Amino acid sequence: MRGAVGPSSPLPLAGEVDARSAAGGGCLHSERSDSRRHPHPNPPPQAGEGAQSRRGRNFTLRRYVLLTLGMLGVVLLGALGVWQVERRSWKLALIERVEQRMHAAPVAPPPPSSWPSVTGASDEYRRVTVRGTFLNADETLVQAVTAEGPGFWVLTPLQADDGTTVLVNRGFVSPDRRDPATRRDGEPQGAVSVTGLLRMSEPKGGFLRSNDASAGRWYSRDVAAIAAVHGLSHVAPFFIDADATPNPGGYPIGGLTIVRFPNNHLIYALTWFALALMLAGALLRVISGRSRAGASDPRWDSRRAAVRRLIGAARNLSRDTGPDARAHIGSA
């Protein structure tokens, strides 16, 4: 029987296997041991590692984009706050300058040679006195809402002693005094002297309303347009708001000019700075890792994976009623 087993036999005898193992010095066992001690240099990726890596990169990219936009927002909000602080300084200087002009002694209005350089910043609300004769036939009524109620401003051209013409806002009349015939006593004849505040022209119209010269509807004191309608020449590019000196008969009512400059810039500045600080605080939370946006962090991914394993183990437990069920959960 031993001679029947030749070199072509696929299965060696037990003795031969032992002899080979002894002769080879345990090569088979050594090869397996070496394979366990030296893992493959490029092990295949574990299931889910690629998706987790992509999620981590996407989260990092999103966080960098949000941080960049957030920092730009902080800079923009801070710049708006600084701008409001600068606007407040400018407004306070304007208010002080206007107060000084209004309470200064009256002066002559700017002469024709300086009309091109007259501006609101340099001349408006300056107290001036002009002498001349009213052209009562060319008065213009401009719609107005004042402390006396709704009505009209009475703008009358005054031909000055130097030959120029200045529009004078003589004051306010109620709708029942719109007709000049109801206030004849208030239309002086001959030379007069008018003191008031220099005001700049108001071209085109009022809020959402345009002047209609052909229909005689005026919503703003547009000096050039009014002068063109009445064919006036050598007209100053400004008008004068008459002071509260009473007119004969009580009308028009002068001195109703309201000088008020809204100054809410400090509140606006504090609002912008507060928003900038809030946004900066949110960015610090994101940078420190305490932001809720960190829910896509790999630590959260590992926790979710553990939860999924526990759910899978519970499902298996529902199918396994044998004595090894407790050990099965423990291995999850």
C-alpha atoms as a PDB file:
ATOM      1  CA  MET A   1       0.000   0.000   0.000  1.00  0.00           C
ATOM      2  CA  ARG A   2       2.817   2.458   0.723  1.00  0.00           C
ATOM      3  CA  GLY A   3       4.278   1.961  -2.750  1.00  0.00           C
ATOM      4  CA  ALA A   4       0.931   2.976  -4.269  1.00  0.00           C
ATOM      5  CA  VAL A   5       1.386   6.525  -3.144  1.00  0.00           C
ATOM      6  CA  GLY A   6       3.764   8.166  -5.625  1.00  0.00           C
ATOM      7  CA  PRO A   7       5.018  11.613  -6.366  1.00  0.00           C
ATOM      8  CA  SER A   8       1.822  12.337  -8.300  1.00  0.00           C
ATOM      9  CA  SER A   9      -0.371  11.774  -5.240  1.00  0.00           C
ATOM     10  CA  PRO A  10      -2.164  14.970  -4.281  1.00  0.00           C
ATOM     11  CA  LEU A  11      -2.284  14.274  -0.560  1.00  0.00           C
ATOM     12  CA  PRO A  12       0.947  13.562   1.370  1.00  0.00           C
ATOM     13  CA  LEU A  13       0.868  11.172   4.271  1.00  0.00           C
ATOM     14  CA  ALA A  14       0.659  12.412   7.810  1.00  0.00           C
ATOM     15  CA  GLY A  15       4.229  11.424   8.507  1.00  0.00           C
ATOM     16  CA  GLU A  16       5.497  13.297   5.520  1.00  0.00           C
ATOM     17  CA  VAL A  17       3.657  16.443   6.631  1.00  0.00           C
ATOM     18  CA  ASP A  18       5.254  16.206  10.046  1.00  0.00           C
ATOM     19  CA  ALA A  19       8.649  15.548   8.535  1.00  0.00           C
ATOM     20  CA  ARG A  20       8.347  18.502   6.205  1.00  0.00           C
ATOM     21  CA  SER A  21       7.254  20.743   9.020  1.00  0.00           C
ATOM     22  CA  ALA A  22      10.170  19.588  11.138  1.00  0.00           C
ATOM     23  CA  ALA A  23      12.611  19.939   8.257  1.00  0.00           C
ATOM     24  CA  GLY A  24      11.343  23.349   7.254  1.00  0.00           C
ATOM     25  CA  GLY A  25      11.583  24.633  10.805  1.00  0.00           C
ATOM     26  CA  GLY A  26       7.890  25.599  10.915  1.00  0.00           C
ATOM     27  CA  CYS A  27       7.901  27.681   7.779  1.00  0.00           C
ATOM     28  CA  LEU A  28       4.134  27.608   7.402  1.00  0.00           C
ATOM     29  CA  HIS A  29       3.534  28.863  10.911  1.00  0.00           C
ATOM     30  CA  SER A  30       6.270  31.445  10.494  1.00  0.00           C
ATOM     31  CA  GLU A  31       4.745  32.801   7.272  1.00  0.00           C
ATOM     32  CA  ARG A  32       1.349  33.228   8.903  1.00  0.00           C
ATOM     33  CA  SER A  33       2.917  34.848  11.933  1.00  0.00           C
ATOM     34  CA  ASP A  34       4.887  37.231   9.719  1.00  0.00           C
ATOM     35  CA  SER A  35       1.724  38.153   7.814  1.00  0.00           C
ATOM     36  CA  ARG A  36       0.036  39.075  11.070  1.00  0.00           C
ATOM     37  CA  ARG A  37       3.025  41.039  12.360  1.00  0.00           C
ATOM     38  CA  HIS A  38       3.534  42.961   9.076  1.00  0.00           C
ATOM     39  CA  PRO A  39       0.177  44.149   7.697  1.00  0.00           C
ATOM     40  CA  HIS A  40      -0.267  44.992   4.066  1.00  0.00           C
ATOM     41  CA  PRO A  41       1.471  48.286   3.221  1.00  0.00           C
ATOM     42  CA  ASN A  42      -1.702  49.613   1.470  1.00  0.00           C
ATOM     43  CA  PRO A  43      -4.646  48.203   3.374  1.00  0.00           C
ATOM     44  CA  PRO A  44      -8.042  48.688   1.727  1.00  0.00           C
ATOM     45  CA  PRO A  45     -10.094  51.529   3.214  1.00  0.00           C
ATOM     46  CA  GLN A  46     -12.681  50.593   5.743  1.00  0.00           C
ATOM     47  CA  ALA A  47     -16.318  50.976   4.840  1.00  0.00           C
ATOM     48  CA  GLY A  48     -17.511  54.542   5.371  1.00  0.00           C
ATOM     49  CA  GLU A  49     -14.027  56.066   5.748  1.00  0.00           C
ATOM     50  CA  GLY A  50     -14.185  57.783   2.321  1.00  0.00           C
ATOM     51  CA  ALA A  51     -17.600  59.277   2.923  1.00  0.00           C
ATOM     52  CA  GLN A  52     -16.559  60.437   6.379  1.00  0.00           C
ATOM     53  CA  SER A  53     -13.420  62.060   4.958  1.00  0.00           C
ATOM     54  CA  ARG A  54     -15.439  63.848   2.287  1.00  0.00           C
ATOM     55  CA  ARG A  55     -17.931  65.071   4.859  1.00  0.00           C
ATOM     56  CA  GLY A  56     -15.089  66.379   6.990  1.00  0.00           C
ATOM     57  CA  ARG A  57     -13.542  68.255   4.050  1.00  0.00           C
ATOM     58  CA  ASN A  58     -16.891  69.718   3.020  1.00  0.00           C
ATOM     59  CA  PHE A  59     -17.590  70.866   6.572  1.00  0.00           C
ATOM     60  CA  THR A  60     -14.147  72.461   6.825  1.00  0.00           C
ATOM     61  CA  LEU A  61     -14.643  74.274   3.509  1.00  0.00           C
ATOM     62  CA  ARG A  62     -18.083  75.515   4.555  1.00  0.00           C
ATOM     63  CA  ARG A  63     -16.716  76.735   7.848  1.00  0.00           C
ATOM     64  CA  TYR A  64     -13.902  78.667   6.140  1.00  0.00           C
ATOM     65  CA  VAL A  65     -16.391  80.275   3.749  1.00  0.00           C
ATOM     66  CA  LEU A  66     -18.679  81.262   6.634  1.00  0.00           C
ATOM     67  CA  LEU A  67     -15.742  82.622   8.611  1.00  0.00           C
ATOM     68  CA  THR A  68     -14.595  84.707   5.654  1.00  0.00           C
ATOM     69  CA  LEU A  69     -18.068  86.121   5.054  1.00  0.00           C
ATOM     70  CA  GLY A  70     -18.480  86.729   8.767  1.00  0.00           C
ATOM     71  CA  MET A  71     -15.225  88.659   9.034  1.00  0.00           C
ATOM     72  CA  LEU A  72     -16.204  90.767   6.022  1.00  0.00           C
ATOM     73  CA  GLY A  73     -19.513  91.434   7.753  1.00  0.00           C
ATOM     74  CA  VAL A  74     -17.750  92.549  10.943  1.00  0.00           C
ATOM     75  CA  VAL A  75     -15.561  94.923   8.941  1.00  0.00           C
ATOM     76  CA  LEU A  76     -18.561  96.321   7.039  1.00  0.00           C
ATOM     77  CA  LEU A  77     -20.653  96.828  10.194  1.00  0.00           C
ATOM     78  CA  GLY A  78     -17.732  98.479  11.956  1.00  0.00           C
ATOM     79  CA  ALA A  79     -17.183 100.785   8.974  1.00  0.00           C
ATOM     80  CA  LEU A  80     -20.848 101.789   9.035  1.00  0.00           C
ATOM     81  CA  GLY A  81     -20.546 102.598  12.730  1.00  0.00           C
ATOM     82  CA  VAL A  82     -17.486 104.757  12.129  1.00  0.00           C
ATOM     83  CA  TRP A  83     -19.278 106.499   9.269  1.00  0.00           C
ATOM     84  CA  GLN A  84     -22.207 107.341  11.549  1.00  0.00           C
ATOM     85  CA  VAL A  85     -19.810 108.753  14.143  1.00  0.00           C
ATOM     86  CA  GLU A  86     -18.317 110.991  11.458  1.00  0.00           C
ATOM     87  CA  ARG A  87     -21.800 111.996  10.300  1.00  0.00           C
ATOM     88  CA  ARG A  88     -22.699 112.929  13.870  1.00  0.00           C
ATOM     89  CA  SER A  89     -19.656 115.183  14.149  1.00  0.00           C
ATOM     90  CA  TRP A  90     -20.574 116.849  10.855  1.00  0.00           C
ATOM     91  CA  LYS A  91     -24.216 117.322  11.962  1.00  0.00           C
ATOM     92  CA  LEU A  92     -23.229 118.856  15.291  1.00  0.00           C
ATOM     93  CA  ALA A  93     -20.937 121.295  13.497  1.00  0.00           C
ATOM     94  CA  LEU A  94     -23.757 122.174  11.072  1.00  0.00           C
ATOM     95  CA  ILE A  95     -26.213 122.819  13.905  1.00  0.00           C
ATOM     96  CA  GLU A  96     -23.735 125.047  15.709  1.00  0.00           C
ATOM     97  CA  ARG A  97     -22.983 126.973  12.504  1.00  0.00           C
ATOM     98  CA  VAL A  98     -26.669 127.528  11.737  1.00  0.00           C
ATOM     99  CA  GLU A  99     -27.380 128.650  15.305  1.00  0.00           C
ATOM    100  CA  GLN A 100     -24.645 131.258  15.030  1.00  0.00           C
ATOM    101  CA  ARG A 101     -26.016 132.549  11.711  1.00  0.00           C
ATOM    102  CA  MET A 102     -29.609 132.758  12.937  1.00  0.00           C
ATOM    103  CA  HIS A 103     -28.702 134.799  16.029  1.00  0.00           C
ATOM    104  CA  ALA A 104     -26.148 137.063  14.382  1.00  0.00           C
ATOM    105  CA  ALA A 105     -26.870 140.636  13.404  1.00  0.00           C
ATOM    106  CA  PRO A 106     -28.563 140.916   9.977  1.00  0.00           C
ATOM    107  CA  VAL A 107     -26.387 141.752   6.983  1.00  0.00           C
ATOM    108  CA  ALA A 108     -27.035 142.653   3.371  1.00  0.00           C
ATOM    109  CA  PRO A 109     -27.845 139.729   1.059  1.00  0.00           C
ATOM    110  CA  PRO A 110     -25.082 138.522  -1.263  1.00  0.00           C
ATOM    111  CA  PRO A 111     -24.578 140.866  -4.260  1.00  0.00           C
ATOM    112  CA  PRO A 112     -25.048 139.624  -7.850  1.00  0.00           C
ATOM    113  CA  SER A 113     -21.298 139.172  -8.267  1.00  0.00           C
ATOM    114  CA  SER A 114     -21.257 136.450  -5.614  1.00  0.00           C
ATOM    115  CA  TRP A 115     -24.502 134.688  -6.594  1.00  0.00           C
ATOM    116  CA  PRO A 116     -22.694 131.828  -8.404  1.00  0.00           C
ATOM    117  CA  SER A 117     -20.835 130.962  -5.184  1.00  0.00           C
ATOM    118  CA  VAL A 118     -23.866 131.055  -2.878  1.00  0.00           C
ATOM    119  CA  THR A 119     -24.461 127.595  -1.379  1.00  0.00           C
ATOM    120  CA  GLY A 120     -26.474 126.113   1.411  1.00  0.00           C
ATOM    121  CA  ALA A 121     -23.358 125.139   3.324  1.00  0.00           C
ATOM    122  CA  SER A 122     -21.931 128.647   3.300  1.00  0.00           C
ATOM    123  CA  ASP A 123     -24.982 130.921   3.340  1.00  0.00           C
ATOM    124  CA  GLU A 124     -28.273 129.242   4.217  1.00  0.00           C
ATOM    125  CA  TYR A 125     -30.083 130.515   7.354  1.00  0.00           C
ATOM    126  CA  ARG A 126     -27.981 133.668   7.399  1.00  0.00           C
ATOM    127  CA  ARG A 127     -29.911 136.688   8.684  1.00  0.00           C
ATOM    128  CA  VAL A 128     -30.208 139.334   5.994  1.00  0.00           C
ATOM    129  CA  THR A 129     -32.031 142.627   5.496  1.00  0.00           C
ATOM    130  CA  VAL A 130     -33.181 143.816   2.079  1.00  0.00           C
ATOM    131  CA  ARG A 131     -34.875 147.108   1.081  1.00  0.00           C
ATOM    132  CA  GLY A 132     -37.101 147.664  -1.904  1.00  0.00           C
ATOM    133  CA  THR A 133     -40.650 147.542  -3.240  1.00  0.00           C
ATOM    134  CA  PHE A 134     -43.013 144.545  -3.310  1.00  0.00           C
ATOM    135  CA  LEU A 135     -44.445 143.469  -6.669  1.00  0.00           C
ATOM    136  CA  ASN A 136     -47.735 142.328  -5.144  1.00  0.00           C
ATOM    137  CA  ALA A 137     -49.350 141.509  -8.478  1.00  0.00           C
ATOM    138  CA  ASP A 138     -46.785 138.729  -9.035  1.00  0.00           C
ATOM    139  CA  GLU A 139     -47.200 136.851  -5.752  1.00  0.00           C
ATOM    140  CA  THR A 140     -47.196 133.030  -5.822  1.00  0.00           C
ATOM    141  CA  LEU A 141     -48.932 130.684  -3.398  1.00  0.00           C
ATOM    142  CA  VAL A 142     -47.031 127.522  -2.448  1.00  0.00           C
ATOM    143  CA  GLN A 143     -48.782 124.763  -0.536  1.00  0.00           C
ATOM    144  CA  ALA A 144     -47.561 124.399   3.031  1.00  0.00           C
ATOM    145  CA  VAL A 145     -48.292 122.669   6.332  1.00  0.00           C
ATOM    146  CA  THR A 146     -47.240 124.714   9.360  1.00  0.00           C
ATOM    147  CA  ALA A 147     -47.922 125.050  13.060  1.00  0.00           C
ATOM    148  CA  GLU A 148     -50.957 127.132  11.995  1.00  0.00           C
ATOM    149  CA  GLY A 149     -52.310 124.229   9.948  1.00  0.00           C
ATOM    150  CA  PRO A 150     -52.454 123.561   6.190  1.00  0.00           C
ATOM    151  CA  GLY A 151     -52.441 126.500   3.833  1.00  0.00           C
ATOM    152  CA  PHE A 152     -50.039 128.425   1.634  1.00  0.00           C
ATOM    153  CA  TRP A 153     -46.796 130.346   1.704  1.00  0.00           C
ATOM    154  CA  VAL A 154     -47.078 133.772   0.058  1.00  0.00           C
ATOM    155  CA  LEU A 155     -44.013 134.384  -2.108  1.00  0.00           C
ATOM    156  CA  THR A 156     -43.828 137.973  -3.364  1.00  0.00           C
ATOM    157  CA  PRO A 157     -41.024 139.421  -5.500  1.00  0.00           C
ATOM    158  CA  LEU A 158     -39.244 142.393  -3.984  1.00  0.00           C
ATOM    159  CA  GLN A 159     -37.449 144.751  -6.345  1.00  0.00           C
ATOM    160  CA  ALA A 160     -34.381 145.877  -4.402  1.00  0.00           C
ATOM    161  CA  ASP A 161     -32.853 149.326  -4.527  1.00  0.00           C
ATOM    162  CA  ASP A 162     -29.916 148.016  -6.592  1.00  0.00           C
ATOM    163  CA  GLY A 163     -32.240 146.826  -9.383  1.00  0.00           C
ATOM    164  CA  THR A 164     -32.130 143.122  -8.504  1.00  0.00           C
ATOM    165  CA  THR A 165     -35.171 141.059  -7.532  1.00  0.00           C
ATOM    166  CA  VAL A 166     -35.446 138.780  -4.511  1.00  0.00           C
ATOM    167  CA  LEU A 167     -38.365 136.455  -3.754  1.00  0.00           C
ATOM    168  CA  VAL A 168     -39.614 136.957  -0.206  1.00  0.00           C
ATOM    169  CA  ASN A 169     -41.633 134.316   1.639  1.00  0.00           C
ATOM    170  CA  ARG A 170     -43.792 136.816   3.498  1.00  0.00           C
ATOM    171  CA  GLY A 171     -45.455 134.123   5.604  1.00  0.00           C
ATOM    172  CA  PHE A 172     -48.431 131.791   5.874  1.00  0.00           C
ATOM    173  CA  VAL A 173     -52.089 132.218   4.989  1.00  0.00           C
ATOM    174  CA  SER A 174     -54.930 129.767   5.576  1.00  0.00           C
ATOM    175  CA  PRO A 175     -57.046 128.586   2.623  1.00  0.00           C
ATOM    176  CA  ASP A 176     -59.768 131.126   3.426  1.00  0.00           C
ATOM    177  CA  ARG A 177     -57.171 133.904   2.974  1.00  0.00           C
ATOM    178  CA  ARG A 178     -55.860 132.602  -0.301  1.00  0.00           C
ATOM    179  CA  ASP A 179     -57.474 135.389  -2.315  1.00  0.00           C
ATOM    180  CA  PRO A 180     -55.416 138.603  -2.019  1.00  0.00           C
ATOM    181  CA  ALA A 181     -58.702 140.535  -1.775  1.00  0.00           C
ATOM    182  CA  THR A 182     -59.225 139.087   1.728  1.00  0.00           C
ATOM    183  CA  ARG A 183     -55.974 140.621   2.988  1.00  0.00           C
ATOM    184  CA  ARG A 184     -55.541 143.924   1.226  1.00  0.00           C
ATOM    185  CA  ASP A 185     -54.133 145.547   4.355  1.00  0.00           C
ATOM    186  CA  GLY A 186     -51.215 143.109   4.215  1.00  0.00           C
ATOM    187  CA  GLU A 187     -50.042 144.317   0.790  1.00  0.00           C
ATOM    188  CA  PRO A 188     -47.847 147.338   1.501  1.00  0.00           C
ATOM    189  CA  GLN A 189     -47.171 149.905  -1.185  1.00  0.00           C
ATOM    190  CA  GLY A 190     -43.929 151.786  -1.547  1.00  0.00           C
ATOM    191  CA  ALA A 191     -40.511 151.119  -0.035  1.00  0.00           C
ATOM    192  CA  VAL A 192     -40.236 148.524   2.688  1.00  0.00           C
ATOM    193  CA  SER A 193     -37.480 146.805   4.658  1.00  0.00           C
ATOM    194  CA  VAL A 194     -37.590 143.020   5.181  1.00  0.00           C
ATOM    195  CA  THR A 195     -35.445 141.039   7.569  1.00  0.00           C
ATOM    196  CA  GLY A 196     -35.359 137.268   7.503  1.00  0.00           C
ATOM    197  CA  LEU A 197     -33.380 134.108   6.833  1.00  0.00           C
ATOM    198  CA  LEU A 198     -31.683 133.411   3.531  1.00  0.00           C
ATOM    199  CA  ARG A 199     -32.968 130.145   2.087  1.00  0.00           C
ATOM    200  CA  MET A 200     -31.905 128.133  -0.937  1.00  0.00           C
ATOM    201  CA  SER A 201     -34.202 127.410  -3.862  1.00  0.00           C
ATOM    202  CA  GLU A 202     -36.256 124.193  -3.808  1.00  0.00           C
ATOM    203  CA  PRO A 203     -36.368 123.029  -7.426  1.00  0.00           C
ATOM    204  CA  LYS A 204     -38.722 120.534  -9.103  1.00  0.00           C
ATOM    205  CA  GLY A 205     -41.299 120.092  -6.349  1.00  0.00           C
ATOM    206  CA  GLY A 206     -42.126 118.549  -3.022  1.00  0.00           C
ATOM    207  CA  PHE A 207     -42.248 114.954  -1.789  1.00  0.00           C
ATOM    208  CA  LEU A 208     -43.884 112.825  -4.535  1.00  0.00           C
ATOM    209  CA  ARG A 209     -45.355 116.007  -6.071  1.00  0.00           C
ATOM    210  CA  SER A 210     -44.009 118.026  -8.971  1.00  0.00           C
ATOM    211  CA  ASN A 211     -44.742 121.677  -9.511  1.00  0.00           C
ATOM    212  CA  ASP A 212     -47.277 122.412 -12.241  1.00  0.00           C
ATOM    213  CA  ALA A 213     -46.531 125.982 -13.295  1.00  0.00           C
ATOM    214  CA  SER A 214     -49.162 126.059 -16.035  1.00  0.00           C
ATOM    215  CA  ALA A 215     -51.914 125.147 -13.579  1.00  0.00           C
ATOM    216  CA  GLY A 216     -50.555 127.354 -10.820  1.00  0.00           C
ATOM    217  CA  ARG A 217     -49.937 124.447  -8.435  1.00  0.00           C
ATOM    218  CA  TRP A 218     -46.742 124.848  -6.477  1.00  0.00           C
ATOM    219  CA  TYR A 219     -45.440 122.385  -3.890  1.00  0.00           C
ATOM    220  CA  SER A 220     -41.973 123.846  -3.399  1.00  0.00           C
ATOM    221  CA  ARG A 221     -40.335 127.255  -3.558  1.00  0.00           C
ATOM    222  CA  ASP A 222     -38.601 126.874  -6.905  1.00  0.00           C
ATOM    223  CA  VAL A 223     -37.105 130.330  -7.464  1.00  0.00           C
ATOM    224  CA  ALA A 224     -36.103 129.899 -11.117  1.00  0.00           C
ATOM    225  CA  ALA A 225     -39.449 128.407 -12.162  1.00  0.00           C
ATOM    226  CA  ILE A 226     -41.492 131.056 -10.348  1.00  0.00           C
ATOM    227  CA  ALA A 227     -39.384 133.832 -11.868  1.00  0.00           C
ATOM    228  CA  ALA A 228     -39.836 132.358 -15.352  1.00  0.00           C
ATOM    229  CA  VAL A 229     -43.640 132.218 -14.977  1.00  0.00           C
ATOM    230  CA  HIS A 230     -43.834 135.900 -13.974  1.00  0.00           C
ATOM    231  CA  GLY A 231     -41.176 137.069 -16.427  1.00  0.00           C
ATOM    232  CA  LEU A 232     -38.858 138.400 -13.716  1.00  0.00           C
ATOM    233  CA  SER A 233     -35.251 139.328 -14.453  1.00  0.00           C
ATOM    234  CA  HIS A 234     -32.099 139.723 -12.364  1.00  0.00           C
ATOM    235  CA  VAL A 235     -33.587 137.338  -9.784  1.00  0.00           C
ATOM    236  CA  ALA A 236     -31.392 136.120  -6.937  1.00  0.00           C
ATOM    237  CA  PRO A 237     -30.960 132.308  -6.794  1.00  0.00           C
ATOM    238  CA  PHE A 238     -32.256 132.275  -3.212  1.00  0.00           C
ATOM    239  CA  PHE A 239     -35.316 133.542  -1.347  1.00  0.00           C
ATOM    240  CA  ILE A 240     -35.834 135.116   2.078  1.00  0.00           C
ATOM    241  CA  ASP A 241     -38.057 133.745   4.841  1.00  0.00           C
ATOM    242  CA  ALA A 242     -39.460 136.869   6.525  1.00  0.00           C
ATOM    243  CA  ASP A 243     -39.218 137.034  10.317  1.00  0.00           C
ATOM    244  CA  ALA A 244     -42.117 137.366  12.754  1.00  0.00           C
ATOM    245  CA  THR A 245     -42.541 141.136  12.334  1.00  0.00           C
ATOM    246  CA  PRO A 246     -46.358 141.561  12.153  1.00  0.00           C
ATOM    247  CA  ASN A 247     -47.853 142.531   8.797  1.00  0.00           C
ATOM    248  CA  PRO A 248     -50.699 145.038   8.595  1.00  0.00           C
ATOM    249  CA  GLY A 249     -54.009 143.234   9.038  1.00  0.00           C
ATOM    250  CA  GLY A 250     -52.253 140.183  10.542  1.00  0.00           C
ATOM    251  CA  TYR A 251     -51.648 138.376   7.244  1.00  0.00           C
ATOM    252  CA  PRO A 252     -49.438 136.795   6.043  1.00  0.00           C
ATOM    253  CA  ILE A 253     -48.082 135.295   9.292  1.00  0.00           C
ATOM    254  CA  GLY A 254     -44.283 135.428   9.210  1.00  0.00           C
ATOM    255  CA  GLY A 255     -41.614 133.869  11.382  1.00  0.00           C
ATOM    256  CA  LEU A 256     -42.852 130.270  11.003  1.00  0.00           C
ATOM    257  CA  THR A 257     -39.578 128.902   9.665  1.00  0.00           C
ATOM    258  CA  ILE A 258     -38.693 125.695  11.479  1.00  0.00           C
ATOM    259  CA  VAL A 259     -35.004 124.968  11.706  1.00  0.00           C
ATOM    260  CA  ARG A 260     -34.576 121.381  12.765  1.00  0.00           C
ATOM    261  CA  PHE A 261     -31.846 118.943  11.870  1.00  0.00           C
ATOM    262  CA  PRO A 262     -32.519 115.309  12.829  1.00  0.00           C
ATOM    263  CA  ASN A 263     -29.513 113.923  14.655  1.00  0.00           C
ATOM    264  CA  ASN A 264     -29.930 110.187  15.246  1.00  0.00           C
ATOM    265  CA  HIS A 265     -26.407 109.292  14.182  1.00  0.00           C
ATOM    266  CA  LEU A 266     -25.311 108.205  17.676  1.00  0.00           C
ATOM    267  CA  ILE A 267     -28.133 105.651  17.856  1.00  0.00           C
ATOM    268  CA  TYR A 268     -27.266 104.384  14.381  1.00  0.00           C
ATOM    269  CA  ALA A 269     -23.578 104.124  15.285  1.00  0.00           C
ATOM    270  CA  LEU A 270     -24.318 102.154  18.469  1.00  0.00           C
ATOM    271  CA  THR A 271     -26.596  99.834  16.484  1.00  0.00           C
ATOM    272  CA  TRP A 272     -23.928  99.093  13.870  1.00  0.00           C
ATOM    273  CA  PHE A 273     -21.243  98.544  16.515  1.00  0.00           C
ATOM    274  CA  ALA A 274     -23.536  96.226  18.508  1.00  0.00           C
ATOM    275  CA  LEU A 275     -24.248  94.144  15.395  1.00  0.00           C
ATOM    276  CA  ALA A 276     -20.516  93.972  14.659  1.00  0.00           C
ATOM    277  CA  LEU A 277     -19.796  92.737  18.204  1.00  0.00           C
ATOM    278  CA  MET A 278     -22.557  90.127  18.017  1.00  0.00           C
ATOM    279  CA  LEU A 279     -21.256  88.816  14.722  1.00  0.00           C
ATOM    280  CA  ALA A 280     -17.682  88.775  16.058  1.00  0.00           C
ATOM    281  CA  GLY A 281     -18.851  86.768  19.084  1.00  0.00           C
ATOM    282  CA  ALA A 282     -20.519  84.227  16.809  1.00  0.00           C
ATOM    283  CA  LEU A 283     -17.325  83.899  14.781  1.00  0.00           C
ATOM    284  CA  LEU A 284     -15.302  83.270  17.943  1.00  0.00           C
ATOM    285  CA  ARG A 285     -17.680  80.458  18.873  1.00  0.00           C
ATOM    286  CA  VAL A 286     -17.217  78.912  15.439  1.00  0.00           C
ATOM    287  CA  ILE A 287     -13.432  79.214  15.654  1.00  0.00           C
ATOM    288  CA  SER A 288     -13.345  77.679  19.152  1.00  0.00           C
ATOM    289  CA  GLY A 289     -15.377  74.693  17.998  1.00  0.00           C
ATOM    290  CA  ARG A 290     -18.382  75.410  20.202  1.00  0.00           C
ATOM    291  CA  SER A 291     -20.639  76.419  17.352  1.00  0.00           C
ATOM    292  CA  ARG A 292     -23.612  74.232  16.576  1.00  0.00           C
ATOM    293  CA  ALA A 293     -22.394  74.106  13.032  1.00  0.00           C
ATOM    294  CA  GLY A 294     -19.886  71.558  14.357  1.00  0.00           C
ATOM    295  CA  ALA A 295     -22.606  68.883  14.204  1.00  0.00           C
ATOM    296  CA  SER A 296     -20.855  67.541  11.084  1.00  0.00           C
ATOM    297  CA  ASP A 297     -17.569  67.118  12.953  1.00  0.00           C
ATOM    298  CA  PRO A 298     -15.991  63.609  12.787  1.00  0.00           C
ATOM    299  CA  ARG A 299     -16.654  63.173  16.524  1.00  0.00           C
ATOM    300  CA  TRP A 300     -20.367  63.456  15.826  1.00  0.00           C
ATOM    301  CA  ASP A 301     -19.968  61.015  12.930  1.00  0.00           C
ATOM    302  CA  SER A 302     -18.433  58.407  15.249  1.00  0.00           C
ATOM    303  CA  ARG A 303     -21.232  58.867  17.765  1.00  0.00           C
ATOM    304  CA  ARG A 304     -23.840  58.448  15.091  1.00  0.00           C
ATOM    305  CA  ALA A 305     -22.067  55.291  13.890  1.00  0.00           C
ATOM    306  CA  ALA A 306     -22.170  53.877  17.441  1.00  0.00           C
ATOM    307  CA  VAL A 307     -25.884  54.612  17.645  1.00  0.00           C
ATOM    308  CA  ARG A 308     -26.437  52.863  14.339  1.00  0.00           C
ATOM    309  CA  ARG A 309     -24.547  49.804  15.603  1.00  0.00           C
ATOM    310  CA  LEU A 310     -26.682  49.678  18.714  1.00  0.00           C
ATOM    311  CA  ILE A 311     -29.829  49.907  16.603  1.00  0.00           C
ATOM    312  CA  GLY A 312     -28.569  47.074  14.406  1.00  0.00           C
ATOM    313  CA  ALA A 313     -27.778  44.976  17.470  1.00  0.00           C
ATOM    314  CA  ALA A 314     -31.273  45.585  18.811  1.00  0.00           C
ATOM    315  CA  ARG A 315     -32.741  44.393  15.528  1.00  0.00           C
ATOM    316  CA  ASN A 316     -30.654  41.244  15.667  1.00  0.00           C
ATOM    317  CA  LEU A 317     -31.740  40.706  19.236  1.00  0.00           C
ATOM    318  CA  SER A 318     -35.361  40.790  18.171  1.00  0.00           C
ATOM    319  CA  ARG A 319     -34.615  37.861  15.878  1.00  0.00           C
ATOM    320  CA  ASP A 320     -32.298  35.945  18.314  1.00  0.00           C
ATOM    321  CA  THR A 321     -34.142  34.305  21.232  1.00  0.00           C
ATOM    322  CA  GLY A 322     -31.334  31.948  22.225  1.00  0.00           C
ATOM    323  CA  PRO A 323     -29.127  32.071  25.339  1.00  0.00           C
ATOM    324  CA  ASP A 324     -26.425  34.069  23.450  1.00  0.00           C
ATOM    325  CA  ALA A 325     -28.585  37.187  22.987  1.00  0.00           C
ATOM    326  CA  ARG A 326     -26.992  39.079  25.902  1.00  0.00           C
ATOM    327  CA  ALA A 327     -23.497  38.334  24.596  1.00  0.00           C
ATOM    328  CA  HIS A 328     -24.588  39.448  21.117  1.00  0.00           C
ATOM    329  CA  ILE A 329     -25.544  42.922  22.375  1.00  0.00           C
ATOM    330  CA  GLY A 330     -22.298  43.193  24.254  1.00  0.00           C
ATOM    331  CA  SER A 331     -20.326  42.667  21.077  1.00  0.00           C
ATOM    332  CA  ALA A 332     -22.133  45.406  19.181  1.00  0.00           C
END
